Amino acid sequence: MRRRLIAGYLLLLALVLVALEVPLAITIAGRDTARLVADRLTDATRFATLAEPALRSGESEALRSELDRYDELYGIAAAVVDEEGHPIVASRSAVDLTATDVVNQSHRALAGSQASEDGTIWPWRTRPLVVAVPVGSGGEILGAVVTVSPSGKSAEGVRTAWAVLLAGGLVVLAAGIAAVWWLASWILRPVRDLDAAAHELGGGDYEVRVPVDDGPDELRRLAGAFNEMAETVADSLERQRQFVSHASHQLRNPLTALRLRVEDLGADLEDPDVVELHRLALEETERLGQVLDSLLALARAERGRFSLVDVDAGEVAQARVLAWQPVAAKHGVVLRYVRPPGPVPVRAIANALDQALDALIDNAVKFSNSQDPSVTIRIAADDGGAAVHVIDTGPGLTEAQRELATERFWRAPDAQNVDGSGLGLPIVAVLVEASGGRLELLPADPHGLHAKLWLPVP
């Protein structure tokens, strides 16, 4: 946008300079030409006054002396011709009276009018300027005076004037470039700030604000409106998180009490059907408790107010694998851990890697329902950081399902009867992204899901 704005301004400035300087340059050349022609006509007219008595009397020595002195002083050749165009007297410089320009101007002067070349002396001209005036009075034409002036000095003067004009235009253009650059920066700086702030806001930084005291008034108002919008969005999300957090926390206590009472009722039950209903009620209260815990963890994770700590990803992964071994064995799943060759330090939110691995291993164990179910956890350096891989042998997810898997409460169509809240992967994604990392869901080979956590190194 900056380039287009600057290009537009400079194009306009260049057109204005061309529109001003081209006519001015033509005017300068025309002015110098008119001045030179007027001077030569004045000189030729004076010689015509001297030539008339000389032509009538046949005495031309005095006239020749004047023409020679004129030629010596100014380097301008002059000649007097009779009414037939034949030379009568000329300066010492050779005057080619047969040249086309000389013949044309002489004929015009012998016709009774002052004659000069109609062309303009441009900087590249090399031809001389020919001027002729008639000699005579009372309508009688006795001959003509012809002067042949070199045009090199006049052309050089025009070149100098054009060079000064061009230099002035370049100075104006340079000043215009500087002014346009400053103006474009002044106009676009708020736009760049707004663009950067919008991307940061979209990335989850709800504390971002833009300056409101820079740029044109319209952009200042836009910046103020953006800040108000950002504050509204941040306040709305904070209220939402507080509500989820408070609701989850407040519901946890009565749910615990309800579970205890339901458990107490089981001691007096004898009917098998009632005992089964009692067991299902306990499972539902347990599932509701897990949902509330997940909502509470998600609300805390989304606040983004964490300090980062350095942990050894290998030690954390090994500890979580040991903790989940009994659960995996109960489901008939082989839980493998591939130990890295050495420590793998990563920087993350405190306990973020623990919670993320718990959610991933829980999902992997629940969905590894193949003929030879297994879950493999391995850690390796990757892309300037460290990657934690959790690979299962379950049915996996399609590409479309993997894109939806981190949405809250989303569950695969074939997993509706499996225990879960649909919040495990969203919590993992929030924790990892808040730690400066990323979560990738990939297909496993030959089947299953490959969850990859990438975290930065200290």
Foldseek 3Di string as FASTA:
>chain_A
DLVVQLVVLLVVLVVVLCVPLVVVLVVVQQVLQVVVQVVVVVVFVVLLVVVQVCLVVVPCPVSQVVQQVVCVVAVKKKFWAFLVQHTDHIYPDDDDCPDPVNVVQQVVQSVPAKDWDPDTQALPDFAWTKTKHFRDDPPDTTTMMIITGTCNVVSVVSVVVSVVSVVVSVVVSVVSSVVSSVLSCQACVLVVLVVVQVVVVVVQPLVDAGDLPTHDPVSSVVSVVVNVVSVVVVVVLLVVLVVLQVVLVVVLVVLVVVLVVLVVVLVPDDPPVVNVVSVVVNVVSVLVNVLSVLSNLQSVLSVLPFDKDKDFLQVLLVVLLVVCVVVLVVLVEAEEEDHDPDTFIFIFGVCLSNLLVNLLVVVQSQFQPDPHWYWYWYKDDDDQHIKIKIWIAGQADDPVCQVCQLPFQDDDPVCPPPRDRSRNNVSNQSRLVSQVWGWDWDADPPGTIMIMTTGHHD
